């Protein structure tokens, strides 16, 4: 890793010294994307997430990172065939020919190949052979960094290790393709009440080991959304937001990886979701409390939000100022309630929320990190494609549905 970083710094220095100002930013952004690709694993996933946040990294960097969603250097045909043979032994009909051809998409975890069969076209998703080792090394490094950070006085009671462990376990969960196939089936079932959302069906008998086979959906282009009429784009964003809120508040099933390589907007108004690898299932307690917290945000009820966070705190130190915590959380919620997507900065809100917990030594349930990660990715899309959407108010019917269906009583 150190070699890749050193080479990156040399290239950036060369760009800075030799390139004209007009092209400097674009070339540096390209080098950042190349670095993320070379580091691979969790670093590549971080690059994919940042690509969704034009508001944070700028159009140039977001565009450069965007290719990491589906245009990473692919594995060889021999590697793909090796993974498939390890999964099935005797390959299903059409696999040998399909896996010898270049993939139609190549991401951080797997490559996707297209195969024509008598019963219709299928997409064959094959896991990269060395990805487990890379992820294990990255996560071990992140855990070590978390332990070192918690030794610093300002972070001694911050549950950094718990947070990194939960995120790391979820990232490793992406490598379990049997689990992902189950998640795809659940996602398809959970969103079946939304006819505008398309989740491809998995093919029975053709998912095993490091291979998932599903219906192939043609005509997908992650850049096509920018060519759609504004009304179509905004309608698609509303559908995406509704799907995410249903999963979050009603089902407690979080899709953390809603980037442009997994979500496609179509000209007919349909929304296609292809992947269900980086997901997380909230505990009943965490889902209930997060739903109540969001309900408080919608109402602008800061005091209720503060009480909800306090109800999930694992321990209260002798030096904790609970009254000040209630006051500061309430003020933060009131200042951010009712803002449209253009004016509501979830990233800044999350940083402020975490900082208040750190300052007062009162930390909410670490599981809350996952819905925040999901919403951070979603917010990037919303702010770019539908900036005047009321990001919070749109959640209201789904929050109420979640409270009713799951018998969650309003927090007193």
Foldseek 3Di string as FASTA:
>chain_A
DVVLVVVLVVVLVVLVVPPDPVCSLLVNLLSQLVSLLVLAAPSLLVLLLVLLACVVPNPSNSVNSPLQLWPRDADALVQQVVQQCVWPVDHDPFPNVFSNDAFPTHHRFWTWTWGQDPVAIKIKTFGGPCRLVSLVVVLVVQLVVQVVVCVDVLNVLPVSNVLSVVQSVLSSQLQAQVVFLVQLVVLCVLCVVPVLEDEWHWDPPNTTRRITMTHDDPDFDLPCLVVAPLVLLLLLLLSVLVSQLLCQQAVQKHQLNPGSSQWGRDNVSHIYGYTRRNMDRDDPLVSLLVLLLLVCLQVLNQLLNLVSQQVQWPDADPQADSVVLSVQSSVLSNVQHQAFLQPHDLVVSVVSNSSSCSVRVTGGDSVVVRVSSRVSSSSSSCCVSPRRHRSSVSSVVSSVNSCVVVVRDNGD
